[in-house]
PDB file of N, CA and C in Angstrom:
ATOM      1  N   MET A   1       0.559  -1.103  -0.081  1.00  0.00           N
ATOM      2  CA  MET A   1      -0.187  -0.593  -0.138  1.00  0.00           C
ATOM      3  C   MET A   1       1.060   0.750  -0.217  1.00  0.00           C
ATOM      4  N   ALA A   2       0.768   2.127  -0.551  1.00  0.00           N
ATOM      5  CA  ALA A   2       1.296   3.879  -0.899  1.00  0.00           C
ATOM      6  C   ALA A   2       0.797   4.234   0.200  1.00  0.00           C
ATOM      7  N   GLN A   3       2.196   5.035   1.102  1.00  0.00           N
ATOM      8  CA  GLN A   3       2.104   5.725   1.708  1.00  0.00           C
ATOM      9  C   GLN A   3       1.182   7.450   2.091  1.00  0.00           C
ATOM     10  N   ARG A   4       0.888   7.759   2.828  1.00  0.00           N
ATOM     11  CA  ARG A   4      -0.032   9.105   2.948  1.00  0.00           C
ATOM     12  C   ARG A   4       0.944  10.118   2.808  1.00  0.00           C
ATOM     13  N   PRO A   5       0.941  11.011   1.674  1.00  0.00           N
ATOM     14  CA  PRO A   5       1.478  12.081   1.478  1.00  0.00           C
ATOM     15  C   PRO A   5       1.540  12.656   2.499  1.00  0.00           C
ATOM     16  N   THR A   6       2.875  13.506   2.883  1.00  0.00           N
ATOM     17  CA  THR A   6       2.825  14.638   4.637  1.00  0.00           C
ATOM     18  C   THR A   6       2.686  15.881   3.220  1.00  0.00           C
ATOM     19  N   ARG A   7       2.619  16.903   4.194  1.00  0.00           N
ATOM     20  CA  ARG A   7       1.930  17.939   4.153  1.00  0.00           C
ATOM     21  C   ARG A   7       3.201  19.341   3.958  1.00  0.00           C
ATOM     22  N   LEU A   8       2.816  19.664   3.235  1.00  0.00           N
ATOM     23  CA  LEU A   8       3.767  21.036   2.838  1.00  0.00           C
ATOM     24  C   LEU A   8       3.353  22.156   3.809  1.00  0.00           C
ATOM     25  N   LYS A   9       4.191  22.930   4.386  1.00  0.00           N
ATOM     26  CA  LYS A   9       3.574  23.439   5.675  1.00  0.00           C
ATOM     27  C   LYS A   9       4.389  24.882   6.114  1.00  0.00           C
ATOM     28  N   ARG A  10       5.396  24.882   5.036  1.00  0.00           N
ATOM     29  CA  ARG A  10       6.903  26.097   5.386  1.00  0.00           C
ATOM     30  C   ARG A  10       6.789  26.658   4.456  1.00  0.00           C
ATOM     31  N   ARG A  11       6.609  28.055   4.233  1.00  0.00           N
ATOM     32  CA  ARG A  11       6.798  29.297   3.361  1.00  0.00           C
ATOM     33  C   ARG A  11       7.631  28.939   2.369  1.00  0.00           C
ATOM     34  N   ARG A  12       8.993  28.366   2.912  1.00  0.00           N
ATOM     35  CA  ARG A  12      10.568  28.560   1.818  1.00  0.00           C
ATOM     36  C   ARG A  12       9.904  27.120   1.463  1.00  0.00           C
ATOM     37  N   ASP A  13       9.182  25.852   1.028  1.00  0.00           N
ATOM     38  CA  ASP A  13       9.161  25.145   0.501  1.00  0.00           C
ATOM     39  C   ASP A  13       7.964  25.349  -0.019  1.00  0.00           C
ATOM     40  N   PHE A  14       7.100  26.435   0.145  1.00  0.00           N
ATOM     41  CA  PHE A  14       5.998  26.949  -1.350  1.00  0.00           C
ATOM     42  C   PHE A  14       7.106  27.331  -1.925  1.00  0.00           C
ATOM     43  N   LEU A  15       7.816  28.553  -1.658  1.00  0.00           N
ATOM     44  CA  LEU A  15       8.483  28.899  -2.307  1.00  0.00           C
ATOM     45  C   LEU A  15       9.513  28.293  -3.581  1.00  0.00           C
ATOM     46  N   ARG A  16      10.298  27.404  -2.988  1.00  0.00           N
ATOM     47  CA  ARG A  16      10.957  26.722  -3.409  1.00  0.00           C
ATOM     48  C   ARG A  16      10.114  25.521  -4.708  1.00  0.00           C
ATOM     49  N   VAL A  17       9.208  25.658  -4.977  1.00  0.00           N
ATOM     50  CA  VAL A  17       8.617  24.451  -5.303  1.00  0.00           C
ATOM     51  C   VAL A  17       7.573  25.760  -6.428  1.00  0.00           C
ATOM     52  N   ALA A  18       7.566  26.900  -6.505  1.00  0.00           N
ATOM     53  CA  ALA A  18       6.885  27.790  -6.788  1.00  0.00           C
ATOM     54  C   ALA A  18       7.887  28.131  -8.345  1.00  0.00           C
ATOM     55  N   GLY A  19       9.686  28.504  -7.571  1.00  0.00           N
ATOM     56  CA  GLY A  19      10.021  28.597  -8.148  1.00  0.00           C
ATOM     57  C   GLY A  19      11.031  27.645  -9.253  1.00  0.00           C
ATOM     58  N   LYS A  20      10.821  26.194  -8.535  1.00  0.00           N
ATOM     59  CA  LYS A  20      12.011  25.761  -9.556  1.00  0.00           C
ATOM     60  C   LYS A  20      11.072  24.998 -10.134  1.00  0.00           C
ATOM     61  N   GLY A  21       9.818  25.119  -9.645  1.00  0.00           N
ATOM     62  CA  GLY A  21       8.960  23.457 -10.460  1.00  0.00           C
ATOM     63  C   GLY A  21       8.307  24.127 -11.246  1.00  0.00           C
ATOM     64  N   LYS A  22       8.002  23.050 -11.952  1.00  0.00           N
ATOM     65  CA  LYS A  22       6.928  22.961 -13.337  1.00  0.00           C
ATOM     66  C   LYS A  22       5.228  23.529 -12.998  1.00  0.00           C
ATOM     67  N   ARG A  23       4.574  23.922 -13.234  1.00  0.00           N
ATOM     68  CA  ARG A  23       3.039  24.803 -13.107  1.00  0.00           C
ATOM     69  C   ARG A  23       1.744  23.717 -14.364  1.00  0.00           C
ATOM     70  N   ALA A  24       1.363  23.811 -13.675  1.00  0.00           N
ATOM     71  CA  ALA A  24      -0.126  23.519 -14.831  1.00  0.00           C
ATOM     72  C   ALA A  24      -1.236  24.182 -14.422  1.00  0.00           C
ATOM     73  N   ALA A  25      -2.388  24.531 -15.818  1.00  0.00           N
ATOM     74  CA  ALA A  25      -3.164  24.956 -14.812  1.00  0.00           C
ATOM     75  C   ALA A  25      -4.246  24.837 -15.218  1.00  0.00           C
ATOM     76  N   ARG A  26      -5.949  24.797 -14.938  1.00  0.00           N
ATOM     77  CA  ARG A  26      -6.876  24.351 -15.563  1.00  0.00           C
ATOM     78  C   ARG A  26      -7.646  25.021 -14.681  1.00  0.00           C
ATOM     79  N   PRO A  27      -8.582  25.062 -15.297  1.00  0.00           N
ATOM     80  CA  PRO A  27     -10.161  25.930 -15.083  1.00  0.00           C
ATOM     81  C   PRO A  27     -10.225  25.365 -13.058  1.00  0.00           C
ATOM     82  N   GLY A  28     -10.402  24.861 -12.764  1.00  0.00           N
ATOM     83  CA  GLY A  28     -10.388  24.639 -11.483  1.00  0.00           C
ATOM     84  C   GLY A  28      -9.370  24.142  -9.978  1.00  0.00           C
ATOM     85  N   LEU A  29      -7.810  24.616 -10.853  1.00  0.00           N
ATOM     86  CA  LEU A  29      -6.822  25.095  -9.722  1.00  0.00           C
ATOM     87  C   LEU A  29      -5.879  25.276 -10.510  1.00  0.00           C
ATOM     88  N   VAL A  30      -4.449  25.415 -10.394  1.00  0.00           N
ATOM     89  CA  VAL A  30      -3.131  24.897 -10.742  1.00  0.00           C
ATOM     90  C   VAL A  30      -2.507  24.843  -9.296  1.00  0.00           C
ATOM     91  N   LEU A  31      -1.325  23.864 -10.526  1.00  0.00           N
ATOM     92  CA  LEU A  31      -0.386  23.104 -10.453  1.00  0.00           C
ATOM     93  C   LEU A  31       0.626  23.168 -10.165  1.00  0.00           C
ATOM     94  N   GLN A  32       1.659  22.872  -8.880  1.00  0.00           N
ATOM     95  CA  GLN A  32       2.942  23.482  -8.938  1.00  0.00           C
ATOM     96  C   GLN A  32       3.775  21.843  -8.672  1.00  0.00           C
ATOM     97  N   ALA A  33       4.830  21.655  -8.947  1.00  0.00           N
ATOM     98  CA  ALA A  33       4.990  20.729  -8.796  1.00  0.00           C
ATOM     99  C   ALA A  33       6.687  20.382  -9.051  1.00  0.00           C
ATOM    100  N   LEU A  34       7.188  19.730  -8.301  1.00  0.00           N
ATOM    101  CA  LEU A  34       8.538  19.720  -8.329  1.00  0.00           C
ATOM    102  C   LEU A  34       9.606  18.410  -7.697  1.00  0.00           C
ATOM    103  N   CYS A  35      10.168  17.962  -8.098  1.00  0.00           N
ATOM    104  CA  CYS A  35      10.778  16.648  -8.511  1.00  0.00           C
ATOM    105  C   CYS A  35      11.909  16.701  -6.712  1.00  0.00           C
ATOM    106  N   ALA A  36      10.824  16.112  -5.759  1.00  0.00           N
ATOM    107  CA  ALA A  36      12.426  16.385  -4.756  1.00  0.00           C
ATOM    108  C   ALA A  36      13.209  14.966  -4.478  1.00  0.00           C
ATOM    109  N   ALA A  37      14.305  15.228  -3.672  1.00  0.00           N
ATOM    110  CA  ALA A  37      15.701  14.674  -4.026  1.00  0.00           C
ATOM    111  C   ALA A  37      14.459  13.038  -2.467  1.00  0.00           C
ATOM    112  N   SER A  38      14.413  13.902  -2.044  1.00  0.00           N
ATOM    113  CA  SER A  38      13.431  12.514  -0.977  1.00  0.00           C
ATOM    114  C   SER A  38      12.224  11.776  -1.667  1.00  0.00           C
ATOM    115  N   ASP A  39      12.313  10.855  -1.313  1.00  0.00           N
ATOM    116  CA  ASP A  39      11.974   9.243  -1.437  1.00  0.00           C
ATOM    117  C   ASP A  39      10.451   9.502  -1.312  1.00  0.00           C
ATOM    118  N   GLU A  40       9.674  10.805  -0.637  1.00  0.00           N
ATOM    119  CA  GLU A  40       8.530  10.785   0.067  1.00  0.00           C
ATOM    120  C   GLU A  40       7.928  12.429  -0.588  1.00  0.00           C
ATOM    121  N   THR A  41       6.417  12.022  -0.698  1.00  0.00           N
ATOM    122  CA  THR A  41       5.654  12.907  -1.228  1.00  0.00           C
ATOM    123  C   THR A  41       4.890  13.718  -0.396  1.00  0.00           C
ATOM    124  N   ARG A  42       5.073  14.839  -0.707  1.00  0.00           N
ATOM    125  CA  ARG A  42       4.340  15.658  -0.514  1.00  0.00           C
ATOM    126  C   ARG A  42       3.692  17.141  -0.479  1.00  0.00           C
ATOM    127  N   ILE A  43       2.624  17.689  -0.592  1.00  0.00           N
ATOM    128  CA  ILE A  43       1.314  18.312  -1.210  1.00  0.00           C
ATOM    129  C   ILE A  43       1.168  19.633  -0.042  1.00  0.00           C
ATOM    130  N   GLY A  44       0.951  20.843  -0.234  1.00  0.00           N
ATOM    131  CA  GLY A  44       0.459  21.463   0.200  1.00  0.00           C
ATOM    132  C   GLY A  44      -0.644  22.620  -0.322  1.00  0.00           C
ATOM    133  N   PHE A  45      -1.256  22.923   0.094  1.00  0.00           N
ATOM    134  CA  PHE A  45      -2.729  23.045  -0.507  1.00  0.00           C
ATOM    135  C   PHE A  45      -2.296  25.210  -0.316  1.00  0.00           C
ATOM    136  N   THR A  46      -3.604  25.867  -0.309  1.00  0.00           N
ATOM    137  CA  THR A  46      -3.558  27.427  -0.997  1.00  0.00           C
ATOM    138  C   THR A  46      -4.276  28.303  -1.563  1.00  0.00           C
ATOM    139  N   VAL A  47      -4.795  29.233  -1.101  1.00  0.00           N
ATOM    140  CA  VAL A  47      -5.832  29.793  -1.888  1.00  0.00           C
ATOM    141  C   VAL A  47      -5.610  31.169  -1.600  1.00  0.00           C
ATOM    142  N   THR A  48      -5.559  32.303  -2.237  1.00  0.00           N
ATOM    143  CA  THR A  48      -5.753  33.175  -2.397  1.00  0.00           C
ATOM    144  C   THR A  48      -6.781  34.335  -1.448  1.00  0.00           C
ATOM    145  N   LYS A  49      -6.645  35.679  -1.179  1.00  0.00           N
ATOM    146  CA  LYS A  49      -7.437  36.664  -0.971  1.00  0.00           C
ATOM    147  C   LYS A  49      -7.883  36.507  -2.070  1.00  0.00           C
ATOM    148  N   LYS A  50      -7.829  36.717  -2.614  1.00  0.00           N
ATOM    149  CA  LYS A  50      -8.487  37.081  -4.307  1.00  0.00           C
ATOM    150  C   LYS A  50      -9.658  36.434  -4.575  1.00  0.00           C
ATOM    151  N   VAL A  51      -9.691  35.211  -4.441  1.00  0.00           N
ATOM    152  CA  VAL A  51     -10.845  34.477  -4.373  1.00  0.00           C
ATOM    153  C   VAL A  51     -11.985  34.712  -4.107  1.00  0.00           C
ATOM    154  N   GLY A  52     -11.124  34.958  -2.452  1.00  0.00           N
ATOM    155  CA  GLY A  52     -13.265  35.977  -2.027  1.00  0.00           C
ATOM    156  C   GLY A  52     -12.571  35.043  -0.267  1.00  0.00           C
ATOM    157  N   ASN A  53     -14.096  35.585   0.622  1.00  0.00           N
ATOM    158  CA  ASN A  53     -13.276  35.901   1.887  1.00  0.00           C
ATOM    159  C   ASN A  53     -13.024  34.455   2.804  1.00  0.00           C
ATOM    160  N   ALA A  54     -12.865  34.206   3.868  1.00  0.00           N
ATOM    161  CA  ALA A  54     -12.627  33.229   4.586  1.00  0.00           C
ATOM    162  C   ALA A  54     -13.320  31.775   4.318  1.00  0.00           C
ATOM    163  N   VAL A  55     -14.565  32.697   4.161  1.00  0.00           N
ATOM    164  CA  VAL A  55     -15.733  30.430   4.443  1.00  0.00           C
ATOM    165  C   VAL A  55     -14.932  30.115   2.570  1.00  0.00           C
ATOM    166  N   VAL A  56     -15.298  31.381   1.904  1.00  0.00           N
ATOM    167  CA  VAL A  56     -14.930  30.567   0.281  1.00  0.00           C
ATOM    168  C   VAL A  56     -13.744  30.279   0.511  1.00  0.00           C
ATOM    169  N   ARG A  57     -12.407  31.065   0.775  1.00  0.00           N
ATOM    170  CA  ARG A  57     -11.012  30.219   1.065  1.00  0.00           C
ATOM    171  C   ARG A  57     -11.338  28.448   1.356  1.00  0.00           C
ATOM    172  N   ASN A  58     -11.774  28.518   2.301  1.00  0.00           N
ATOM    173  CA  ASN A  58     -11.846  27.318   3.308  1.00  0.00           C
ATOM    174  C   ASN A  58     -12.613  26.252   2.551  1.00  0.00           C
ATOM    175  N   ARG A  59     -13.426  26.386   1.869  1.00  0.00           N
ATOM    176  CA  ARG A  59     -14.424  25.709   1.455  1.00  0.00           C
ATOM    177  C   ARG A  59     -13.717  25.573  -0.118  1.00  0.00           C
ATOM    178  N   ALA A  60     -12.900  25.467  -0.368  1.00  0.00           N
ATOM    179  CA  ALA A  60     -12.340  25.594  -1.660  1.00  0.00           C
ATOM    180  C   ALA A  60     -10.568  24.732  -1.130  1.00  0.00           C
ATOM    181  N   LYS A  61      -9.799  25.191  -0.130  1.00  0.00           N
ATOM    182  CA  LYS A  61      -9.126  24.343   0.172  1.00  0.00           C
ATOM    183  C   LYS A  61      -9.973  22.599   1.336  1.00  0.00           C
ATOM    184  N   ARG A  62     -10.472  23.061   0.999  1.00  0.00           N
ATOM    185  CA  ARG A  62     -11.010  21.024   1.396  1.00  0.00           C
ATOM    186  C   ARG A  62     -11.691  20.414   0.888  1.00  0.00           C
ATOM    187  N   ARG A  63     -12.207  21.418  -0.315  1.00  0.00           N
ATOM    188  CA  ARG A  63     -12.220  20.420  -1.719  1.00  0.00           C
ATOM    189  C   ARG A  63     -11.303  20.242  -2.204  1.00  0.00           C
ATOM    190  N   LEU A  64     -10.184  21.146  -2.889  1.00  0.00           N
ATOM    191  CA  LEU A  64      -8.745  20.323  -2.995  1.00  0.00           C
ATOM    192  C   LEU A  64      -8.019  19.495  -2.009  1.00  0.00           C
ATOM    193  N   ARG A  65      -7.567  19.386  -0.632  1.00  0.00           N
ATOM    194  CA  ARG A  65      -7.794  18.219  -0.004  1.00  0.00           C
ATOM    195  C   ARG A  65      -8.204  17.263  -0.032  1.00  0.00           C
ATOM    196  N   GLU A  66      -9.509  16.731  -0.305  1.00  0.00           N
ATOM    197  CA  GLU A  66     -10.353  15.652  -0.081  1.00  0.00           C
ATOM    198  C   GLU A  66     -10.185  14.846  -1.876  1.00  0.00           C
ATOM    199  N   ALA A  67      -9.810  16.290  -3.021  1.00  0.00           N
ATOM    200  CA  ALA A  67      -9.327  15.488  -4.124  1.00  0.00           C
ATOM    201  C   ALA A  67      -8.130  14.415  -4.131  1.00  0.00           C
ATOM    202  N   ALA A  68      -7.360  15.473  -3.364  1.00  0.00           N
ATOM    203  CA  ALA A  68      -6.388  14.818  -3.560  1.00  0.00           C
ATOM    204  C   ALA A  68      -5.630  13.799  -2.826  1.00  0.00           C
ATOM    205  N   ARG A  69      -6.919  13.431  -1.493  1.00  0.00           N
ATOM    206  CA  ARG A  69      -7.047  12.937  -0.679  1.00  0.00           C
ATOM    207  C   ARG A  69      -7.314  11.082  -1.665  1.00  0.00           C
ATOM    208  N   LEU A  70      -7.972  11.539  -2.163  1.00  0.00           N
ATOM    209  CA  LEU A  70      -8.387  10.789  -2.718  1.00  0.00           C
ATOM    210  C   LEU A  70      -7.522  10.069  -4.191  1.00  0.00           C
ATOM    211  N   ALA A  71      -7.480  11.106  -4.965  1.00  0.00           N
ATOM    212  CA  ALA A  71      -5.934  11.082  -6.402  1.00  0.00           C
ATOM    213  C   ALA A  71      -4.572  10.053  -5.796  1.00  0.00           C
ATOM    214  N   ILE A  72      -3.956  11.059  -4.625  1.00  0.00           N
ATOM    215  CA  ILE A  72      -2.552  11.140  -5.089  1.00  0.00           C
ATOM    216  C   ILE A  72      -2.261   9.615  -4.601  1.00  0.00           C
ATOM    217  N   PRO A  73      -2.931   9.008  -3.172  1.00  0.00           N
ATOM    218  CA  PRO A  73      -2.714   7.579  -3.088  1.00  0.00           C
ATOM    219  C   PRO A  73      -3.095   6.227  -3.762  1.00  0.00           C
ATOM    220  N   ALA A  74      -4.730   6.853  -4.590  1.00  0.00           N
ATOM    221  CA  ALA A  74      -5.023   5.724  -5.663  1.00  0.00           C
ATOM    222  C   ALA A  74      -3.424   5.842  -7.230  1.00  0.00           C
ATOM    223  N   LEU A  75      -2.983   7.006  -6.736  1.00  0.00           N
ATOM    224  CA  LEU A  75      -2.052   6.748  -8.745  1.00  0.00           C
ATOM    225  C   LEU A  75      -0.337   6.678  -8.300  1.00  0.00           C
ATOM    226  N   LEU A  76      -0.069   6.590  -6.631  1.00  0.00           N
ATOM    227  CA  LEU A  76       0.979   5.929  -6.208  1.00  0.00           C
ATOM    228  C   LEU A  76       0.889   4.492  -6.189  1.00  0.00           C
ATOM    229  N   ALA A  77      -0.147   3.957  -5.427  1.00  0.00           N
ATOM    230  CA  ALA A  77      -0.459   2.712  -5.156  1.00  0.00           C
ATOM    231  C   ALA A  77      -0.268   1.332  -6.732  1.00  0.00           C
ATOM    232  N   GLU A  78      -0.724   1.765  -7.909  1.00  0.00           N
ATOM    233  CA  GLU A  78      -1.044   0.893  -9.298  1.00  0.00           C
ATOM    234  C   GLU A  78       0.014   2.119 -10.219  1.00  0.00           C
ATOM    235  N   GLY A  79       0.900   2.577  -9.330  1.00  0.00           N
ATOM    236  CA  GLY A  79       2.422   2.835  -9.539  1.00  0.00           C
ATOM    237  C   GLY A  79       2.417   3.645 -10.860  1.00  0.00           C
ATOM    238  N   ALA A  80       0.707   4.474 -11.222  1.00  0.00           N
ATOM    239  CA  ALA A  80       1.201   5.930 -13.008  1.00  0.00           C
ATOM    240  C   ALA A  80       2.383   6.412 -11.678  1.00  0.00           C
ATOM    241  N   MET A  81       2.311   6.723 -10.717  1.00  0.00           N
ATOM    242  CA  MET A  81       2.752   8.143  -9.745  1.00  0.00           C
ATOM    243  C   MET A  81       4.082   8.035  -9.549  1.00  0.00           C
ATOM    244  N   ASP A  82       5.591   8.096  -9.318  1.00  0.00           N
ATOM    245  CA  ASP A  82       6.672   7.979  -8.677  1.00  0.00           C
ATOM    246  C   ASP A  82       6.195   8.759  -7.101  1.00  0.00           C
ATOM    247  N   PRO A  83       6.976   7.981  -6.523  1.00  0.00           N
ATOM    248  CA  PRO A  83       6.801   8.808  -5.413  1.00  0.00           C
ATOM    249  C   PRO A  83       8.540   9.969  -5.073  1.00  0.00           C
ATOM    250  N   GLY A  84       8.292  11.039  -4.477  1.00  0.00           N
ATOM    251  CA  GLY A  84       9.343  11.967  -4.420  1.00  0.00           C
ATOM    252  C   GLY A  84       8.621  13.093  -4.732  1.00  0.00           C
ATOM    253  N   TRP A  85       7.483  13.932  -4.912  1.00  0.00           N
ATOM    254  CA  TRP A  85       7.244  14.951  -5.754  1.00  0.00           C
ATOM    255  C   TRP A  85       7.208  15.905  -4.385  1.00  0.00           C
ATOM    256  N   ASP A  86       7.275  17.341  -4.708  1.00  0.00           N
ATOM    257  CA  ASP A  86       6.350  18.688  -3.950  1.00  0.00           C
ATOM    258  C   ASP A  86       5.552  19.262  -4.487  1.00  0.00           C
ATOM    259  N   LEU A  87       4.534  18.877  -4.404  1.00  0.00           N
ATOM    260  CA  LEU A  87       2.955  19.465  -4.419  1.00  0.00           C
ATOM    261  C   LEU A  87       2.716  20.009  -4.063  1.00  0.00           C
ATOM    262  N   VAL A  88       2.031  21.261  -4.619  1.00  0.00           N
ATOM    263  CA  VAL A  88       1.450  22.894  -4.201  1.00  0.00           C
ATOM    264  C   VAL A  88       0.514  22.862  -5.615  1.00  0.00           C
ATOM    265  N   LEU A  89      -1.187  23.165  -4.580  1.00  0.00           N
ATOM    266  CA  LEU A  89      -2.162  22.853  -5.772  1.00  0.00           C
ATOM    267  C   LEU A  89      -2.792  24.086  -5.110  1.00  0.00           C
ATOM    268  N   ILE A  90      -3.002  24.889  -6.146  1.00  0.00           N
ATOM    269  CA  ILE A  90      -3.937  26.491  -5.416  1.00  0.00           C
ATOM    270  C   ILE A  90      -5.272  27.136  -6.387  1.00  0.00           C
ATOM    271  N   GLY A  91      -5.856  27.223  -5.497  1.00  0.00           N
ATOM    272  CA  GLY A  91      -7.534  27.142  -5.599  1.00  0.00           C
ATOM    273  C   GLY A  91      -7.810  28.366  -6.225  1.00  0.00           C
ATOM    274  N   ARG A  92      -8.914  28.405  -7.436  1.00  0.00           N
ATOM    275  CA  ARG A  92      -9.001  29.175  -7.966  1.00  0.00           C
ATOM    276  C   ARG A  92     -10.658  29.661  -7.981  1.00  0.00           C
ATOM    277  N   ASP A  93     -10.498  30.787  -8.141  1.00  0.00           N
ATOM    278  CA  ASP A  93     -12.415  31.355  -8.254  1.00  0.00           C
ATOM    279  C   ASP A  93     -13.825  30.272  -7.688  1.00  0.00           C
ATOM    280  N   ALA A  94     -13.187  29.352  -9.002  1.00  0.00           N
ATOM    281  CA  ALA A  94     -13.965  27.874  -9.508  1.00  0.00           C
ATOM    282  C   ALA A  94     -13.773  26.864  -8.973  1.00  0.00           C
ATOM    283  N   THR A  95     -12.817  26.689  -8.077  1.00  0.00           N
ATOM    284  CA  THR A  95     -12.476  25.190  -7.419  1.00  0.00           C
ATOM    285  C   THR A  95     -13.711  24.965  -6.365  1.00  0.00           C
ATOM    286  N   GLY A  96     -13.969  26.196  -5.616  1.00  0.00           N
ATOM    287  CA  GLY A  96     -15.555  26.026  -4.499  1.00  0.00           C
ATOM    288  C   GLY A  96     -16.565  25.874  -5.319  1.00  0.00           C
ATOM    289  N   LYS A  97     -17.340  26.060  -6.855  1.00  0.00           N
ATOM    290  CA  LYS A  97     -18.423  25.668  -7.438  1.00  0.00           C
ATOM    291  C   LYS A  97     -18.265  24.993  -8.394  1.00  0.00           C
ATOM    292  N   ARG A  98     -16.952  24.522  -8.651  1.00  0.00           N
ATOM    293  CA  ARG A  98     -17.364  23.345  -9.835  1.00  0.00           C
ATOM    294  C   ARG A  98     -17.383  21.791  -9.320  1.00  0.00           C
ATOM    295  N   ASP A  99     -17.969  20.919  -9.894  1.00  0.00           N
ATOM    296  CA  ASP A  99     -18.468  20.030  -9.459  1.00  0.00           C
ATOM    297  C   ASP A  99     -17.119  18.972  -9.080  1.00  0.00           C
ATOM    298  N   PHE A 100     -17.568  18.010  -8.324  1.00  0.00           N
ATOM    299  CA  PHE A 100     -15.909  17.565  -7.505  1.00  0.00           C
ATOM    300  C   PHE A 100     -15.674  16.596  -8.835  1.00  0.00           C
ATOM    301  N   ALA A 101     -16.272  15.518  -9.666  1.00  0.00           N
ATOM    302  CA  ALA A 101     -15.776  14.916 -10.236  1.00  0.00           C
ATOM    303  C   ALA A 101     -15.052  15.781 -11.224  1.00  0.00           C
ATOM    304  N   THR A 102     -15.083  17.042 -11.971  1.00  0.00           N
ATOM    305  CA  THR A 102     -14.787  17.624 -12.827  1.00  0.00           C
ATOM    306  C   THR A 102     -13.080  17.609 -12.329  1.00  0.00           C
ATOM    307  N   LEU A 103     -13.255  18.540 -10.761  1.00  0.00           N
ATOM    308  CA  LEU A 103     -12.199  19.054 -10.465  1.00  0.00           C
ATOM    309  C   LEU A 103     -11.928  17.463  -9.651  1.00  0.00           C
ATOM    310  N   GLN A 104     -12.032  16.604  -9.404  1.00  0.00           N
ATOM    311  CA  GLN A 104     -11.043  15.686  -9.518  1.00  0.00           C
ATOM    312  C   GLN A 104     -10.154  14.952 -10.832  1.00  0.00           C
ATOM    313  N   GLY A 105     -10.914  15.638 -11.932  1.00  0.00           N
ATOM    314  CA  GLY A 105     -10.222  15.356 -13.357  1.00  0.00           C
ATOM    315  C   GLY A 105      -9.591  16.573 -14.015  1.00  0.00           C
ATOM    316  N   ASP A 106      -9.365  17.469 -13.096  1.00  0.00           N
ATOM    317  CA  ASP A 106      -8.606  18.614 -13.215  1.00  0.00           C
ATOM    318  C   ASP A 106      -7.478  18.533 -12.845  1.00  0.00           C
ATOM    319  N   LEU A 107      -7.495  17.528 -11.404  1.00  0.00           N
ATOM    320  CA  LEU A 107      -6.239  17.482 -10.100  1.00  0.00           C
ATOM    321  C   LEU A 107      -5.562  16.241 -11.455  1.00  0.00           C
ATOM    322  N   ARG A 108      -6.067  15.558 -11.685  1.00  0.00           N
ATOM    323  CA  ARG A 108      -5.625  14.150 -12.808  1.00  0.00           C
ATOM    324  C   ARG A 108      -4.915  14.874 -14.341  1.00  0.00           C
ATOM    325  N   GLY A 109      -5.461  15.503 -14.338  1.00  0.00           N
ATOM    326  CA  GLY A 109      -5.242  16.117 -16.361  1.00  0.00           C
ATOM    327  C   GLY A 109      -3.953  17.097 -15.905  1.00  0.00           C
ATOM    328  N   ALA A 110      -4.125  17.739 -14.753  1.00  0.00           N
ATOM    329  CA  ALA A 110      -2.534  19.073 -14.580  1.00  0.00           C
ATOM    330  C   ALA A 110      -1.572  18.463 -13.936  1.00  0.00           C
ATOM    331  N   LEU A 111      -1.674  16.829 -12.871  1.00  0.00           N
ATOM    332  CA  LEU A 111      -0.591  15.891 -12.580  1.00  0.00           C
ATOM    333  C   LEU A 111       0.043  15.933 -14.230  1.00  0.00           C
ATOM    334  N   ARG A 112      -0.915  15.502 -14.940  1.00  0.00           N
ATOM    335  CA  ARG A 112      -0.348  14.792 -16.114  1.00  0.00           C
ATOM    336  C   ARG A 112       0.223  15.695 -17.005  1.00  0.00           C
ATOM    337  N   GLN A 113       0.095  16.647 -17.010  1.00  0.00           N
ATOM    338  CA  GLN A 113       0.752  17.686 -17.742  1.00  0.00           C
ATOM    339  C   GLN A 113       1.915  18.231 -17.288  1.00  0.00           C
ATOM    340  N   ALA A 114       1.851  18.288 -15.951  1.00  0.00           N
ATOM    341  CA  ALA A 114       3.101  18.782 -15.385  1.00  0.00           C
ATOM    342  C   ALA A 114       4.773  17.573 -15.055  1.00  0.00           C
ATOM    343  N   GLY A 115       3.432  16.328 -16.114  1.00  0.00           N
ATOM    344  CA  GLY A 115       4.538  14.433 -15.648  1.00  0.00           C
ATOM    345  C   GLY A 115       5.142  14.254 -14.502  1.00  0.00           C
ATOM    346  N   VAL A 116       3.705  14.332 -13.729  1.00  0.00           N
ATOM    347  CA  VAL A 116       4.369  13.661 -12.390  1.00  0.00           C
ATOM    348  C   VAL A 116       3.735  12.775 -12.895  1.00  0.00           C
ATOM    349  N   THR A 117       2.371  11.958 -13.651  1.00  0.00           N
ATOM    350  CA  THR A 117       1.617  11.083 -13.610  1.00  0.00           C
ATOM    351  C   THR A 117       2.018  10.806 -14.947  1.00  0.00           C
ATOM    352  N   ARG A 118       2.035   9.150 -14.766  1.00  0.00           N
ATOM    353  CA  ARG A 118       2.534   8.798 -16.935  1.00  0.00           C
ATOM    354  C   ARG A 118       1.036   8.459 -17.097  1.00  0.00           C
TER     355      ARG A 118
END
C-alpha cells in the first residue's frame, strides 16, 4: 500500500516549488510540482485572498484536500506516479463551485500535464 503524502507547511517549501517547479493550470486549480530529492511525496494547499472571503477560501482548500486525498495515494499505489514529488495545489475562483468529479479530473489532468504521472 502506498504511503499517505505528508503536508508542505513552511513558506520556504512553497516558494521553492513555485520557483523551480513545473506549473500546470486547469479551470479548477493550479498545480506546481517539483521532483524532490527524498523518496517522500509532500503536498501543500493554498488559496489567495483574491478568491473570496475566509469561508470561500476554506471551502476551496477542503475540496482540494479531499480531491488530493482520493487521487494521490491511488496513483502511487497503481504505479502511475513515482514517489518523491513536492506538490502545491492552488485554488481558483471555480474551485469551490466546480462539480467535484470535474475537479478530480482537473487534478489528474494537471498531474499529467506537469509530468508527475504517466
